[in-house]
Amino acid sequence: MKSIFEEDTYNEIKERISNLNENTQAKWGKMNVGQMTWHCQGPFNIILGKDHYGMKPNWLAKVFFKKSLYNDKPWRKGLPTAKFLKTQEQKDFNAEKTKLEALLDEAYSQRDKTEWEPHPAFGYFTAQQWGQMQYKHLDHHLKQFGV
């Protein structure tokens, strides 16, 4: 599994994000491109300790879902989205894209960090798992928008 903490993968994701524009259409799902770039900021806010969105430890999620966050098996189309990462509001694509790119850069700048705060719902992840999880989430949504 690729990780955003690997230089080649980081550069790949940066390039794919740069290929998005305000007219990019989703191949599936309900989000538009502005909402998707806003949505993808949430996991970065968690890893960087900026927000925990009111999540609490969840042993069921840990047991049944945690490994799917960073394994090689792609997520299927149409998976349910956590409420705190959903929005019906229209988002300014250019502003949200800029914020997403800044969060990606900030996370990558911490790639050598060995100790990370635990995820508020899933608990501890290794640095490798955090990087893989971030890649898998971005890859899923970038494929959703054809980049």
N, C-alpha and C. Protein backbone atom coordinates (compact mmCIF):
# COMPACT_ATOMS: atom_id res chain seq x y z
N MET A 1 0.85 -1.19 0.00
CA MET A 1 0.00 0.00 0.00
C MET A 1 0.89 1.23 0.00
N LYS A 2 0.53 2.17 -0.83
CA LYS A 2 1.27 3.42 -0.89
C LYS A 2 0.99 4.26 0.35
N SER A 3 1.88 5.20 0.60
CA SER A 3 1.76 6.10 1.75
C SER A 3 2.07 7.53 1.31
N ILE A 4 1.31 8.49 1.84
CA ILE A 4 1.59 9.89 1.52
C ILE A 4 2.92 10.34 2.10
N PHE A 5 3.53 9.51 2.95
CA PHE A 5 4.82 9.86 3.53
C PHE A 5 5.98 9.42 2.63
N GLU A 6 5.69 8.79 1.50
CA GLU A 6 6.71 8.42 0.52
C GLU A 6 6.74 9.52 -0.54
N GLU A 7 7.92 9.98 -0.90
CA GLU A 7 8.05 11.13 -1.80
C GLU A 7 7.32 10.93 -3.13
N ASP A 8 7.50 9.77 -3.76
CA ASP A 8 6.84 9.54 -5.05
C ASP A 8 5.32 9.57 -4.92
N THR A 9 4.81 8.99 -3.87
CA THR A 9 3.36 8.96 -3.65
C THR A 9 2.83 10.34 -3.33
N TYR A 10 3.54 11.06 -2.48
CA TYR A 10 3.17 12.45 -2.17
C TYR A 10 3.09 13.26 -3.46
N ASN A 11 4.10 13.15 -4.32
CA ASN A 11 4.12 13.90 -5.58
C ASN A 11 2.99 13.46 -6.51
N GLU A 12 2.69 12.17 -6.52
CA GLU A 12 1.58 11.66 -7.33
C GLU A 12 0.26 12.29 -6.89
N ILE A 13 0.03 12.30 -5.58
CA ILE A 13 -1.22 12.86 -5.05
C ILE A 13 -1.29 14.36 -5.35
N LYS A 14 -0.19 15.07 -5.16
CA LYS A 14 -0.16 16.51 -5.48
C LYS A 14 -0.55 16.74 -6.94
N GLU A 15 0.00 15.95 -7.83
CA GLU A 15 -0.29 16.07 -9.26
C GLU A 15 -1.76 15.78 -9.55
N ARG A 16 -2.28 14.74 -8.94
CA ARG A 16 -3.69 14.38 -9.17
C ARG A 16 -4.62 15.48 -8.67
N ILE A 17 -4.32 16.04 -7.51
CA ILE A 17 -5.14 17.14 -6.98
C ILE A 17 -5.05 18.34 -7.92
N SER A 18 -3.86 18.59 -8.45
CA SER A 18 -3.70 19.75 -9.35
C SER A 18 -4.50 19.57 -10.64
N ASN A 19 -4.84 18.34 -10.99
CA ASN A 19 -5.63 18.07 -12.20
C ASN A 19 -7.13 18.29 -12.00
N LEU A 20 -7.54 18.54 -10.76
CA LEU A 20 -8.95 18.87 -10.49
C LEU A 20 -9.21 20.33 -10.86
N ASN A 21 -10.44 20.60 -11.25
CA ASN A 21 -10.87 21.99 -11.42
C ASN A 21 -12.34 22.09 -11.05
N GLU A 22 -12.86 23.30 -11.01
CA GLU A 22 -14.23 23.51 -10.52
C GLU A 22 -15.28 22.83 -11.38
N ASN A 23 -14.91 22.38 -12.57
CA ASN A 23 -15.86 21.70 -13.46
C ASN A 23 -15.70 20.18 -13.47
N THR A 24 -14.77 19.65 -12.68
CA THR A 24 -14.56 18.21 -12.64
C THR A 24 -15.80 17.54 -12.06
N GLN A 25 -16.30 16.56 -12.78
CA GLN A 25 -17.53 15.86 -12.39
C GLN A 25 -17.21 14.51 -11.74
N ALA A 26 -18.02 14.14 -10.76
CA ALA A 26 -17.88 12.84 -10.10
C ALA A 26 -18.36 11.73 -11.02
N LYS A 27 -17.70 10.59 -10.94
CA LYS A 27 -18.13 9.39 -11.66
C LYS A 27 -19.18 8.64 -10.86
N TRP A 28 -19.21 8.87 -9.55
CA TRP A 28 -20.22 8.27 -8.67
C TRP A 28 -20.36 9.15 -7.44
N GLY A 29 -21.38 8.89 -6.65
CA GLY A 29 -21.56 9.58 -5.38
C GLY A 29 -22.33 10.88 -5.52
N LYS A 30 -22.52 11.54 -4.39
CA LYS A 30 -23.37 12.73 -4.31
C LYS A 30 -22.59 14.03 -4.17
N MET A 31 -21.30 13.96 -3.86
CA MET A 31 -20.52 15.18 -3.65
C MET A 31 -20.11 15.81 -4.97
N ASN A 32 -20.02 17.14 -4.97
CA ASN A 32 -19.38 17.79 -6.10
C ASN A 32 -17.90 17.99 -5.73
N VAL A 33 -17.12 18.53 -6.63
CA VAL A 33 -15.67 18.60 -6.43
C VAL A 33 -15.29 19.52 -5.26
N GLY A 34 -16.04 20.59 -5.04
CA GLY A 34 -15.77 21.47 -3.90
C GLY A 34 -16.05 20.76 -2.58
N GLN A 35 -17.15 20.02 -2.53
CA GLN A 35 -17.49 19.28 -1.32
C GLN A 35 -16.47 18.17 -1.07
N MET A 36 -16.00 17.52 -2.12
CA MET A 36 -15.02 16.45 -1.97
C MET A 36 -13.70 16.99 -1.42
N THR A 37 -13.24 18.13 -1.94
CA THR A 37 -11.97 18.66 -1.43
C THR A 37 -12.12 19.13 0.01
N TRP A 38 -13.28 19.61 0.38
CA TRP A 38 -13.57 19.94 1.79
C TRP A 38 -13.57 18.66 2.63
N HIS A 39 -14.27 17.64 2.16
CA HIS A 39 -14.39 16.36 2.85
C HIS A 39 -13.01 15.74 3.12
N CYS A 40 -12.13 15.79 2.15
CA CYS A 40 -10.81 15.16 2.28
C CYS A 40 -9.91 15.86 3.30
N GLN A 41 -10.28 17.04 3.72
CA GLN A 41 -9.50 17.74 4.75
C GLN A 41 -9.68 17.12 6.13
N GLY A 42 -10.85 16.52 6.39
CA GLY A 42 -11.17 15.98 7.71
C GLY A 42 -10.14 15.00 8.25
N PRO A 43 -9.79 13.97 7.50
CA PRO A 43 -8.79 13.03 8.01
C PRO A 43 -7.43 13.69 8.28
N PHE A 44 -7.07 14.70 7.50
CA PHE A 44 -5.83 15.42 7.78
C PHE A 44 -5.94 16.22 9.07
N ASN A 45 -7.09 16.83 9.31
CA ASN A 45 -7.29 17.55 10.56
C ASN A 45 -7.16 16.61 11.76
N ILE A 46 -7.59 15.36 11.58
CA ILE A 46 -7.46 14.37 12.66
C ILE A 46 -5.99 14.00 12.87
N ILE A 47 -5.30 13.60 11.82
CA ILE A 47 -3.91 13.16 11.96
C ILE A 47 -3.02 14.29 12.51
N LEU A 48 -3.34 15.52 12.12
CA LEU A 48 -2.52 16.65 12.56
C LEU A 48 -2.97 17.22 13.91
N GLY A 49 -3.98 16.60 14.52
CA GLY A 49 -4.42 17.01 15.84
C GLY A 49 -5.16 18.34 15.86
N LYS A 50 -5.72 18.74 14.72
CA LYS A 50 -6.43 20.02 14.64
C LYS A 50 -7.89 19.91 15.06
N ASP A 51 -8.48 18.72 14.91
CA ASP A 51 -9.88 18.52 15.27
C ASP A 51 -10.11 17.03 15.47
N HIS A 52 -10.99 16.69 16.39
CA HIS A 52 -11.35 15.28 16.56
C HIS A 52 -12.83 15.06 16.28
N TYR A 53 -13.53 16.13 15.91
CA TYR A 53 -14.92 16.09 15.45
C TYR A 53 -15.87 15.41 16.44
N GLY A 54 -15.53 15.45 17.70
CA GLY A 54 -16.40 14.87 18.72
C GLY A 54 -16.42 13.36 18.74
N MET A 55 -15.51 12.72 18.01
CA MET A 55 -15.47 11.25 18.00
C MET A 55 -14.98 10.73 19.34
N LYS A 56 -15.46 9.54 19.67
CA LYS A 56 -15.05 8.86 20.90
C LYS A 56 -14.55 7.48 20.54
N PRO A 57 -13.75 6.86 21.43
CA PRO A 57 -13.29 5.50 21.15
C PRO A 57 -14.47 4.58 20.85
N ASN A 58 -14.26 3.71 19.87
CA ASN A 58 -15.31 2.81 19.43
C ASN A 58 -14.70 1.44 19.18
N TRP A 59 -14.89 0.52 20.11
CA TRP A 59 -14.25 -0.79 20.00
C TRP A 59 -14.79 -1.59 18.82
N LEU A 60 -16.06 -1.41 18.47
CA LEU A 60 -16.61 -2.13 17.31
C LEU A 60 -15.92 -1.68 16.02
N ALA A 61 -15.75 -0.37 15.88
CA ALA A 61 -15.06 0.17 14.71
C ALA A 61 -13.62 -0.33 14.68
N LYS A 62 -12.98 -0.35 15.85
CA LYS A 62 -11.59 -0.84 15.92
C LYS A 62 -11.49 -2.27 15.43
N VAL A 63 -12.39 -3.12 15.90
CA VAL A 63 -12.33 -4.54 15.58
C VAL A 63 -12.71 -4.82 14.13
N PHE A 64 -13.75 -4.16 13.65
CA PHE A 64 -14.30 -4.53 12.35
C PHE A 64 -13.90 -3.63 11.18
N PHE A 65 -13.41 -2.43 11.44
CA PHE A 65 -13.18 -1.50 10.35
C PHE A 65 -11.75 -0.96 10.27
N LYS A 66 -11.04 -0.95 11.37
CA LYS A 66 -9.74 -0.27 11.42
C LYS A 66 -8.78 -0.74 10.33
N LYS A 67 -8.61 -2.05 10.16
CA LYS A 67 -7.64 -2.55 9.18
C LYS A 67 -8.02 -2.17 7.75
N SER A 68 -9.31 -1.99 7.49
CA SER A 68 -9.74 -1.62 6.14
C SER A 68 -9.32 -0.19 5.78
N LEU A 69 -8.91 0.58 6.79
CA LEU A 69 -8.48 1.95 6.53
C LEU A 69 -7.12 2.01 5.85
N TYR A 70 -6.30 0.98 6.04
CA TYR A 70 -4.94 1.04 5.49
C TYR A 70 -4.50 -0.23 4.76
N ASN A 71 -5.41 -1.16 4.49
CA ASN A 71 -5.01 -2.34 3.74
C ASN A 71 -5.08 -2.07 2.23
N ASP A 72 -4.67 -3.05 1.43
CA ASP A 72 -4.60 -2.88 -0.02
C ASP A 72 -5.94 -2.99 -0.74
N LYS A 73 -6.97 -3.43 -0.06
CA LYS A 73 -8.27 -3.63 -0.71
C LYS A 73 -8.97 -2.28 -0.91
N PRO A 74 -9.26 -1.93 -2.17
CA PRO A 74 -9.93 -0.64 -2.42
C PRO A 74 -11.31 -0.60 -1.77
N TRP A 75 -11.72 0.61 -1.38
CA TRP A 75 -13.06 0.79 -0.85
C TRP A 75 -14.04 0.73 -2.02
N ARG A 76 -15.20 0.19 -1.76
CA ARG A 76 -16.22 0.14 -2.81
C ARG A 76 -16.87 1.51 -2.97
N LYS A 77 -17.43 1.72 -4.12
CA LYS A 77 -18.13 2.97 -4.39
C LYS A 77 -19.38 3.04 -3.51
N GLY A 78 -19.70 4.25 -3.04
CA GLY A 78 -20.94 4.46 -2.31
C GLY A 78 -20.92 4.08 -0.85
N LEU A 79 -19.73 3.89 -0.27
CA LEU A 79 -19.67 3.62 1.17
C LEU A 79 -20.28 4.79 1.92
N PRO A 80 -20.93 4.52 3.05
CA PRO A 80 -21.48 5.64 3.82
C PRO A 80 -20.37 6.54 4.35
N THR A 81 -20.68 7.82 4.45
CA THR A 81 -19.73 8.83 4.93
C THR A 81 -20.10 9.23 6.34
N ALA A 82 -19.11 9.37 7.20
CA ALA A 82 -19.35 9.84 8.57
C ALA A 82 -20.04 11.20 8.51
N LYS A 83 -21.01 11.42 9.37
CA LYS A 83 -21.80 12.65 9.35
C LYS A 83 -20.95 13.91 9.40
N PHE A 84 -19.90 13.89 10.23
CA PHE A 84 -19.09 15.10 10.37
C PHE A 84 -18.26 15.42 9.14
N LEU A 85 -18.18 14.49 8.20
CA LEU A 85 -17.45 14.73 6.95
C LEU A 85 -18.38 14.93 5.77
N LYS A 86 -19.67 15.12 6.05
CA LYS A 86 -20.66 15.37 5.00
C LYS A 86 -21.07 16.83 5.04
N THR A 87 -21.38 17.34 3.88
CA THR A 87 -21.95 18.69 3.81
C THR A 87 -22.88 18.78 2.62
N GLN A 88 -23.95 19.52 2.81
CA GLN A 88 -24.86 19.83 1.71
C GLN A 88 -24.54 21.22 1.16
N GLU A 89 -23.75 21.98 1.93
CA GLU A 89 -23.39 23.34 1.52
C GLU A 89 -22.51 23.31 0.29
N GLN A 90 -22.69 24.31 -0.55
CA GLN A 90 -21.77 24.48 -1.67
C GLN A 90 -20.45 25.01 -1.11
N LYS A 91 -19.36 24.51 -1.60
CA LYS A 91 -18.03 24.93 -1.15
C LYS A 91 -17.28 25.58 -2.31
N ASP A 92 -16.50 26.57 -1.98
CA ASP A 92 -15.66 27.23 -2.98
C ASP A 92 -14.51 26.29 -3.32
N PHE A 93 -14.56 25.72 -4.51
CA PHE A 93 -13.58 24.71 -4.90
C PHE A 93 -12.14 25.20 -4.73
N ASN A 94 -11.83 26.37 -5.26
CA ASN A 94 -10.45 26.85 -5.22
C ASN A 94 -9.95 27.03 -3.79
N ALA A 95 -10.80 27.55 -2.92
CA ALA A 95 -10.41 27.72 -1.51
C ALA A 95 -10.20 26.37 -0.84
N GLU A 96 -11.11 25.43 -1.10
CA GLU A 96 -11.01 24.11 -0.46
C GLU A 96 -9.83 23.32 -1.00
N LYS A 97 -9.56 23.45 -2.27
CA LYS A 97 -8.40 22.78 -2.87
C LYS A 97 -7.11 23.30 -2.24
N THR A 98 -7.02 24.61 -2.08
CA THR A 98 -5.83 25.22 -1.46
C THR A 98 -5.64 24.72 -0.03
N LYS A 99 -6.73 24.64 0.72
CA LYS A 99 -6.65 24.13 2.11
C LYS A 99 -6.22 22.67 2.12
N LEU A 100 -6.77 21.86 1.21
CA LEU A 100 -6.40 20.44 1.14
C LEU A 100 -4.92 20.29 0.81
N GLU A 101 -4.45 21.03 -0.15
CA GLU A 101 -3.03 20.97 -0.52
C GLU A 101 -2.14 21.37 0.65
N ALA A 102 -2.54 22.38 1.39
CA ALA A 102 -1.74 22.83 2.55
C ALA A 102 -1.71 21.75 3.63
N LEU A 103 -2.83 21.08 3.86
CA LEU A 103 -2.86 20.01 4.86
C LEU A 103 -2.01 18.82 4.42
N LEU A 104 -2.06 18.48 3.14
CA LEU A 104 -1.21 17.41 2.61
C LEU A 104 0.26 17.77 2.81
N ASP A 105 0.62 19.00 2.48
CA ASP A 105 2.01 19.45 2.65
C ASP A 105 2.42 19.40 4.13
N GLU A 106 1.54 19.83 5.01
CA GLU A 106 1.85 19.83 6.44
C GLU A 106 2.06 18.39 6.95
N ALA A 107 1.19 17.49 6.54
CA ALA A 107 1.34 16.09 6.96
C ALA A 107 2.65 15.52 6.42
N TYR A 108 2.93 15.78 5.14
CA TYR A 108 4.17 15.27 4.54
C TYR A 108 5.40 15.83 5.25
N SER A 109 5.33 17.07 5.68
CA SER A 109 6.47 17.67 6.38
C SER A 109 6.76 16.97 7.71
N GLN A 110 5.79 16.22 8.20
CA GLN A 110 5.97 15.50 9.46
C GLN A 110 6.21 14.00 9.23
N ARG A 111 6.60 13.63 8.01
CA ARG A 111 6.75 12.23 7.63
C ARG A 111 7.75 11.45 8.49
N ASP A 112 8.70 12.14 9.10
CA ASP A 112 9.69 11.45 9.93
C ASP A 112 9.27 11.31 11.39
N LYS A 113 8.13 11.84 11.70
CA LYS A 113 7.59 11.74 13.06
C LYS A 113 7.32 10.27 13.38
N THR A 114 7.73 9.84 14.56
CA THR A 114 7.55 8.43 14.91
C THR A 114 6.38 8.19 15.87
N GLU A 115 5.98 9.21 16.59
CA GLU A 115 4.88 9.06 17.54
C GLU A 115 3.75 10.00 17.15
N TRP A 116 2.60 9.45 16.93
CA TRP A 116 1.42 10.21 16.54
C TRP A 116 0.36 10.07 17.62
N GLU A 117 -0.46 11.09 17.74
CA GLU A 117 -1.59 11.01 18.67
C GLU A 117 -2.54 9.92 18.18
N PRO A 118 -3.23 9.25 19.10
CA PRO A 118 -4.17 8.22 18.65
C PRO A 118 -5.37 8.84 17.91
N HIS A 119 -5.92 8.07 17.02
CA HIS A 119 -7.15 8.46 16.36
C HIS A 119 -8.25 8.45 17.41
N PRO A 120 -9.13 9.43 17.42
CA PRO A 120 -10.13 9.51 18.48
C PRO A 120 -11.10 8.34 18.52
N ALA A 121 -11.35 7.66 17.41
CA ALA A 121 -12.25 6.51 17.41
C ALA A 121 -11.52 5.18 17.30
N PHE A 122 -10.42 5.13 16.55
CA PHE A 122 -9.76 3.87 16.25
C PHE A 122 -8.52 3.59 17.09
N GLY A 123 -8.05 4.57 17.82
CA GLY A 123 -6.86 4.37 18.65
C GLY A 123 -5.57 4.60 17.89
N TYR A 124 -4.54 3.90 18.30
CA TYR A 124 -3.19 4.13 17.77
C TYR A 124 -3.00 3.53 16.38
N PHE A 125 -2.28 4.28 15.57
CA PHE A 125 -1.80 3.83 14.27
C PHE A 125 -0.31 4.07 14.23
N THR A 126 0.41 3.23 13.51
CA THR A 126 1.82 3.51 13.27
C THR A 126 1.90 4.64 12.24
N ALA A 127 3.08 5.22 12.10
CA ALA A 127 3.27 6.25 11.08
C ALA A 127 2.95 5.67 9.70
N GLN A 128 3.38 4.45 9.46
CA GLN A 128 3.11 3.80 8.18
C GLN A 128 1.61 3.67 7.94
N GLN A 129 0.86 3.25 8.96
CA GLN A 129 -0.58 3.10 8.82
C GLN A 129 -1.27 4.44 8.58
N TRP A 130 -0.83 5.49 9.29
CA TRP A 130 -1.40 6.83 9.07
C TRP A 130 -1.19 7.25 7.62
N GLY A 131 0.02 7.07 7.10
CA GLY A 131 0.32 7.47 5.73
C GLY A 131 -0.46 6.67 4.71
N GLN A 132 -0.61 5.38 4.97
CA GLN A 132 -1.38 4.53 4.06
C GLN A 132 -2.86 4.90 4.09
N MET A 133 -3.36 5.17 5.28
CA MET A 133 -4.76 5.53 5.44
C MET A 133 -5.07 6.83 4.69
N GLN A 134 -4.20 7.81 4.82
CA GLN A 134 -4.41 9.08 4.13
C GLN A 134 -4.36 8.87 2.61
N TYR A 135 -3.42 8.04 2.15
CA TYR A 135 -3.34 7.76 0.72
C TYR A 135 -4.62 7.08 0.24
N LYS A 136 -5.07 6.06 0.95
CA LYS A 136 -6.23 5.29 0.52
C LYS A 136 -7.46 6.17 0.40
N HIS A 137 -7.65 7.06 1.36
CA HIS A 137 -8.80 7.96 1.33
C HIS A 137 -8.72 8.92 0.14
N LEU A 138 -7.57 9.55 -0.04
CA LEU A 138 -7.41 10.47 -1.17
C LEU A 138 -7.54 9.74 -2.50
N ASP A 139 -6.92 8.58 -2.62
CA ASP A 139 -6.98 7.82 -3.86
C ASP A 139 -8.43 7.48 -4.22
N HIS A 140 -9.20 7.07 -3.22
CA HIS A 140 -10.61 6.73 -3.43
C HIS A 140 -11.36 7.92 -4.03
N HIS A 141 -11.19 9.08 -3.43
CA HIS A 141 -11.94 10.24 -3.90
C HIS A 141 -11.38 10.84 -5.18
N LEU A 142 -10.09 10.75 -5.38
CA LEU A 142 -9.53 11.25 -6.64
C LEU A 142 -9.98 10.36 -7.80
N LYS A 143 -10.08 9.05 -7.58
CA LYS A 143 -10.65 8.16 -8.59
C LYS A 143 -12.12 8.50 -8.83
N GLN A 144 -12.83 8.84 -7.75
CA GLN A 144 -14.25 9.22 -7.87
C GLN A 144 -14.40 10.38 -8.87
N PHE A 145 -13.39 11.25 -8.90
CA PHE A 145 -13.44 12.42 -9.78
C PHE A 145 -12.53 12.26 -11.01
N GLY A 146 -12.13 11.03 -11.28
CA GLY A 146 -11.45 10.73 -12.53
C GLY A 146 -10.02 11.19 -12.67
N VAL A 147 -9.36 11.48 -11.53
CA VAL A 147 -7.95 11.88 -11.61
C VAL A 147 -7.07 10.94 -10.82
